[in-house]
């Protein structure tokens, strides 16, 4: 974190205040890192009942070496086991959060899942973010959390079909399982575009889109009786080409 002059601010988090972490924190440059094996239901004051879930656990690093328990900025990284289909995650915090998924190894590459509290100061920000999971699996999630002053807390939950919330990694109550360690994918550089290869005759396909997550390329159908072309770079192995709802749909692996 930097001040308004661009100078990096000293980190006042106290590595000897583990809160609900497994052990004392480890310094890595200006960062202090902790590992949490349970759930994200954290409060600067352990035992509080902010947000939806009571009995908040102590927030690692707090109070800081200055003795303060506010003015907190943190990054939470976890790998969550998600089912296929529409998933809803719920985040509540004081004051602000931003959640990303997918290629989170680089902040600018992560897919924005949701954010809240940008307009708040001293109030609880709540956000429900819905997204579609093509295939069941373990997916990386990154949450940036900031407390501007006063109370500080954050919780990470999922929402069941009946509307009930359950903390992520609360396995006894049906929460999604989460892991402390995993590998975030790199941002895809694969692209598809309508293009006629040299030496061939036809038209470049229009309306071309590529989804690396579903390994699918779609395009407008070529005019009847003509040949349409597109390119996929880097190259892939095509497993099917179909007309689905008036669209050309290509599946690859």
Protein backbone atom coordinates (compact mmCIF):
# COMPACT_ATOMS: atom_id res chain seq x y z
CA UNK A 1 0.00 0.00 0.00
CA UNK A 2 1.21 3.51 -0.84
CA UNK A 3 0.40 6.95 0.49
CA UNK A 4 -0.69 9.91 -1.64
CA UNK A 5 2.94 10.66 -2.55
CA UNK A 6 3.54 7.12 -3.84
CA UNK A 7 5.67 6.08 -0.86
CA UNK A 8 5.18 2.50 0.36
CA UNK A 9 3.61 2.53 3.82
CA UNK A 10 5.08 0.40 6.60
CA UNK A 11 2.98 -2.65 7.42
CA UNK A 12 1.91 -2.49 11.07
CA UNK A 13 0.32 -5.95 11.16
CA UNK A 14 1.60 -7.93 14.15
CA UNK A 15 2.89 -11.35 13.09
CA UNK A 16 2.70 -12.44 16.73
CA UNK A 17 -1.08 -11.97 16.81
CA UNK A 18 -2.24 -15.04 14.83
CA UNK A 19 -5.96 -14.71 15.60
CA UNK A 20 -7.58 -17.82 14.11
CA UNK A 21 -4.53 -18.64 11.96
CA UNK A 22 -2.54 -21.84 12.42
CA UNK A 23 0.54 -20.05 13.70
CA UNK A 24 2.31 -16.73 13.88
CA UNK A 25 2.60 -14.80 10.65
CA UNK A 26 5.59 -14.84 8.33
CA UNK A 27 7.03 -11.61 6.93
CA UNK A 28 7.57 -11.48 3.18
CA UNK A 29 8.89 -8.03 2.36
CA UNK A 30 6.21 -5.57 3.45
CA UNK A 31 3.63 -8.37 3.64
CA UNK A 32 2.76 -10.50 6.67
CA UNK A 33 1.28 -13.86 5.69
CA UNK A 34 -0.97 -16.11 7.80
CA UNK A 35 -2.60 -19.49 7.04
CA UNK A 36 -6.18 -20.09 8.18
CA UNK A 37 -7.41 -23.69 8.27
CA UNK A 38 -11.01 -23.05 9.31
CA UNK A 39 -13.40 -20.38 8.00
CA UNK A 40 -13.38 -16.72 7.04
CA UNK A 41 -15.55 -15.22 9.77
CA UNK A 42 -13.09 -12.69 11.10
CA UNK A 43 -13.36 -9.74 13.42
CA UNK A 44 -10.78 -7.34 14.80
CA UNK A 45 -12.43 -8.10 18.15
CA UNK A 46 -12.58 -11.89 18.62
CA UNK A 47 -15.95 -13.16 19.80
CA UNK A 48 -17.95 -10.41 18.12
CA UNK A 49 -21.13 -11.06 16.15
CA UNK A 50 -20.88 -8.79 13.12
CA UNK A 51 -22.48 -9.83 9.84
CA UNK A 52 -24.65 -12.94 9.50
CA UNK A 53 -22.66 -15.40 11.60
CA UNK A 54 -22.01 -15.03 15.35
CA UNK A 55 -18.89 -15.98 17.31
CA UNK A 56 -16.46 -14.21 14.99
CA UNK A 57 -12.88 -15.41 15.17
CA UNK A 58 -9.88 -13.19 15.74
CA UNK A 59 -8.46 -11.45 12.68
CA UNK A 60 -4.77 -12.35 12.19
CA UNK A 61 -2.28 -9.53 12.68
CA UNK A 62 -4.64 -7.50 14.87
CA UNK A 63 -4.05 -5.51 16.98
CA UNK A 64 -1.10 -4.22 15.03
CA UNK A 65 2.30 -3.38 16.43
CA UNK A 66 0.94 0.14 16.99
CA UNK A 67 -1.82 -1.28 19.19
CA UNK A 68 -4.55 -0.25 16.72
CA UNK A 69 -7.28 -2.61 15.50
CA UNK A 70 -8.51 -0.57 12.54
CA UNK A 71 -7.18 0.79 9.25
CA UNK A 72 -6.74 -2.77 7.95
CA UNK A 73 -5.98 -3.89 4.38
CA UNK A 74 -5.78 -7.60 3.60
CA UNK A 75 -5.77 -10.07 0.74
CA UNK A 76 -7.48 -13.45 1.20
CA UNK A 77 -6.61 -16.23 -1.23
CA UNK A 78 -8.37 -19.58 -1.17
CA UNK A 79 -9.22 -22.47 -3.48
CA UNK A 80 -12.88 -23.48 -3.25
CA UNK A 81 -14.44 -26.77 -4.36
CA UNK A 82 -17.49 -25.77 -6.40
CA UNK A 83 -20.28 -27.80 -8.04
CA UNK A 84 -21.30 -27.35 -11.66
CA UNK A 85 -24.08 -24.82 -12.25
CA UNK A 86 -24.96 -21.41 -10.82
CA UNK A 87 -23.10 -20.62 -7.59
CA UNK A 88 -23.84 -17.73 -5.23
CA UNK A 89 -21.21 -16.46 -2.82
CA UNK A 90 -22.00 -13.98 -0.06
CA UNK A 91 -19.46 -11.57 1.39
CA UNK A 92 -20.13 -9.19 4.26
CA UNK A 93 -17.51 -6.85 5.68
CA UNK A 94 -16.78 -3.51 7.23
CA UNK A 95 -15.84 -1.57 5.13
CA UNK A 96 -15.01 -2.66 1.55
CA UNK A 97 -14.27 -5.75 -0.54
CA UNK A 98 -13.50 -6.86 -4.08
CA UNK A 99 -13.65 -10.54 -5.09
CA UNK A 100 -11.92 -12.11 -8.10
CA UNK A 101 -11.74 -15.61 -9.53
CA UNK A 102 -9.78 -17.54 -12.15
CA UNK A 103 -6.30 -16.25 -13.05
CA UNK A 104 -5.74 -14.42 -9.75
CA UNK A 105 -1.94 -14.77 -9.75
CA UNK A 106 -1.82 -11.30 -11.30
CA UNK A 107 -4.27 -8.75 -9.90
CA UNK A 108 -5.15 -7.29 -13.30
CA UNK A 109 -5.97 -10.73 -14.76
CA UNK A 110 -8.50 -11.93 -12.17
CA UNK A 111 -12.16 -12.13 -13.21
CA UNK A 112 -14.26 -9.72 -11.15
CA UNK A 113 -16.87 -11.66 -9.16
CA UNK A 114 -18.22 -8.78 -7.12
CA UNK A 115 -17.40 -5.77 -4.98
CA UNK A 116 -19.10 -3.71 -2.32
CA UNK A 117 -18.75 -0.94 0.22
CA UNK A 118 -16.94 1.45 -2.10
CA UNK A 119 -19.35 4.18 -1.04
CA UNK A 120 -19.42 3.23 2.64
CA UNK A 121 -17.50 4.32 5.70
CA UNK A 122 -18.30 2.66 9.00
CA UNK A 123 -21.09 0.47 7.65
CA UNK A 124 -21.30 -3.19 6.69
CA UNK A 125 -20.96 -3.92 2.98
CA UNK A 126 -22.82 -6.99 1.79
CA UNK A 127 -22.63 -8.55 -1.63
CA UNK A 128 -24.13 -11.60 -3.31
CA UNK A 129 -22.28 -12.60 -6.44
CA UNK A 130 -23.66 -15.21 -8.84
CA UNK A 131 -21.59 -16.95 -11.49
CA UNK A 132 -21.82 -20.08 -13.62
CA UNK A 133 -19.45 -22.99 -13.08
CA UNK A 134 -19.13 -25.08 -16.24
CA UNK A 135 -17.49 -28.09 -14.60
CA UNK A 136 -17.30 -29.11 -10.96
CA UNK A 137 -13.82 -28.58 -9.57
CA UNK A 138 -11.54 -26.50 -7.37
CA UNK A 139 -11.37 -22.82 -8.29
CA UNK A 140 -9.19 -19.98 -6.98
CA UNK A 141 -10.83 -17.00 -5.25
CA UNK A 142 -9.09 -13.79 -4.19
CA UNK A 143 -10.69 -11.19 -1.93
CA UNK A 144 -9.30 -7.75 -1.20
CA UNK A 145 -10.56 -6.34 2.11
CA UNK A 146 -10.18 -2.83 3.47
CA UNK A 147 -11.28 -1.29 6.75
CA UNK A 148 -11.21 2.49 6.82
CA UNK A 149 -11.66 2.87 10.58
CA UNK A 150 -13.71 1.75 13.54
CA UNK A 151 -15.12 -1.79 13.50
CA UNK A 152 -13.48 -4.31 11.15
CA UNK A 153 -14.85 -7.70 10.09
CA UNK A 154 -15.30 -9.95 7.06
CA UNK A 155 -17.07 -13.24 6.33
CA UNK A 156 -17.17 -15.49 3.26
CA UNK A 157 -20.20 -17.71 2.72
CA UNK A 158 -22.20 -19.48 0.04
CA UNK A 159 -25.96 -19.33 -0.43
CA UNK A 160 -27.97 -22.55 -0.61
CA UNK A 161 -30.92 -23.10 -2.93
CA UNK A 162 -33.33 -22.33 -0.06
CA UNK A 163 -31.62 -18.98 0.57
CA UNK A 164 -29.75 -20.05 3.71
CA UNK A 165 -26.15 -18.89 4.05
CA UNK A 166 -23.35 -21.16 5.20
CA UNK A 167 -19.71 -20.24 5.71
CA UNK A 168 -17.26 -21.56 3.15
CA UNK A 169 -15.41 -24.55 4.67
CA UNK A 170 -18.17 -25.16 7.24
CA UNK A 171 -18.45 -28.76 6.12
CA UNK A 172 -20.75 -29.81 8.97
CA UNK A 173 -23.45 -27.48 7.67
CA UNK A 174 -22.96 -28.10 3.95
CA UNK A 175 -20.47 -25.36 3.15
CA UNK A 176 -18.15 -25.62 0.18
CA UNK A 177 -14.78 -27.14 1.02
CA UNK A 178 -11.83 -24.75 0.76
CA UNK A 179 -8.09 -25.28 0.54
CA UNK A 180 -5.18 -23.07 1.60
CA UNK A 181 -2.90 -24.14 -1.24
CA UNK A 182 -3.56 -24.46 -4.95
CA UNK A 183 -2.48 -23.28 -8.38
CA UNK A 184 -4.21 -20.38 -10.10
CA UNK A 185 -4.36 -20.67 -13.88
CA UNK A 186 -2.58 -18.16 -16.07
CA UNK A 187 -4.67 -15.81 -18.16
CA UNK A 188 -5.42 -17.37 -21.51
CA UNK A 189 -3.79 -15.87 -24.56
CA UNK A 190 -5.81 -17.98 -27.03
CA UNK A 191 -7.81 -15.99 -29.58
CA UNK A 192 -10.17 -16.79 -32.45
CA UNK A 193 -10.94 -14.57 -35.43
CA UNK A 194 -12.58 -14.77 -38.81
CA UNK A 195 -9.80 -15.12 -41.38
CA UNK A 196 -9.38 -16.78 -44.78
CA UNK A 197 -6.09 -18.73 -45.00
CA UNK A 198 -3.74 -17.85 -47.83
CA UNK A 199 -4.43 -19.84 -50.98
CA UNK A 200 -8.07 -20.65 -50.13
CA UNK A 201 -11.28 -19.06 -51.35
CA UNK A 202 -14.18 -18.16 -49.07
CA UNK A 203 -15.33 -15.62 -46.53
CA UNK A 204 -14.13 -14.76 -43.05
CA UNK A 205 -16.69 -15.82 -40.43
CA UNK A 206 -18.30 -13.04 -38.42
CA UNK A 207 -19.47 -12.84 -34.80
CA UNK A 208 -16.56 -14.98 -33.60
CA UNK A 209 -16.19 -15.42 -29.83
CA UNK A 210 -13.99 -17.77 -27.79
CA UNK A 211 -14.51 -19.07 -24.27
CA UNK A 212 -11.45 -20.75 -22.81
CA UNK A 213 -13.40 -21.81 -19.72
CA UNK A 214 -15.85 -23.87 -21.81
CA UNK A 215 -13.36 -24.52 -24.65
CA UNK A 216 -15.91 -23.30 -27.15
CA UNK A 217 -15.77 -21.04 -30.21
CA UNK A 218 -19.00 -19.66 -31.65
CA UNK A 219 -19.58 -17.77 -34.90
CA UNK A 220 -22.29 -16.72 -37.30
CA UNK A 221 -23.11 -19.38 -39.87
CA UNK A 222 -21.66 -18.77 -43.32
CA UNK A 223 -24.00 -18.02 -46.21
CA UNK A 224 -25.43 -21.21 -47.73
CA UNK A 225 -23.21 -22.50 -50.51
CA UNK A 226 -20.11 -20.62 -49.35
CA UNK A 227 -17.08 -21.61 -47.32
CA UNK A 228 -16.46 -19.77 -44.08
CA UNK A 229 -13.15 -19.65 -42.24
CA UNK A 230 -11.75 -18.73 -38.86
CA UNK A 231 -8.45 -19.22 -37.09
CA UNK A 232 -7.73 -20.26 -33.50
CA UNK A 233 -4.32 -19.30 -32.11
CA UNK A 234 -2.51 -21.13 -30.52
CA UNK A 235 -3.86 -24.16 -32.34
CA UNK A 236 -6.26 -26.64 -30.71
CA UNK A 237 -7.70 -30.08 -31.36
CA UNK A 238 -11.30 -29.82 -32.62
CA UNK A 239 -13.66 -32.41 -31.14
CA UNK A 240 -16.99 -31.25 -32.62
CA UNK A 241 -18.55 -28.71 -34.99
CA UNK A 242 -22.32 -28.18 -34.80
CA UNK A 243 -25.13 -25.86 -35.81
CA UNK A 244 -26.78 -24.92 -32.54
CA UNK A 245 -29.63 -22.43 -32.65
CA UNK A 246 -28.42 -20.85 -35.86
CA UNK A 247 -24.85 -20.50 -34.60
CA UNK A 248 -21.72 -22.39 -35.54
CA UNK A 249 -20.41 -23.98 -32.33
CA UNK A 250 -16.94 -25.50 -32.22
CA UNK A 251 -15.74 -27.54 -29.24
CA UNK A 252 -12.03 -28.11 -28.73
CA UNK A 253 -9.61 -29.62 -26.24
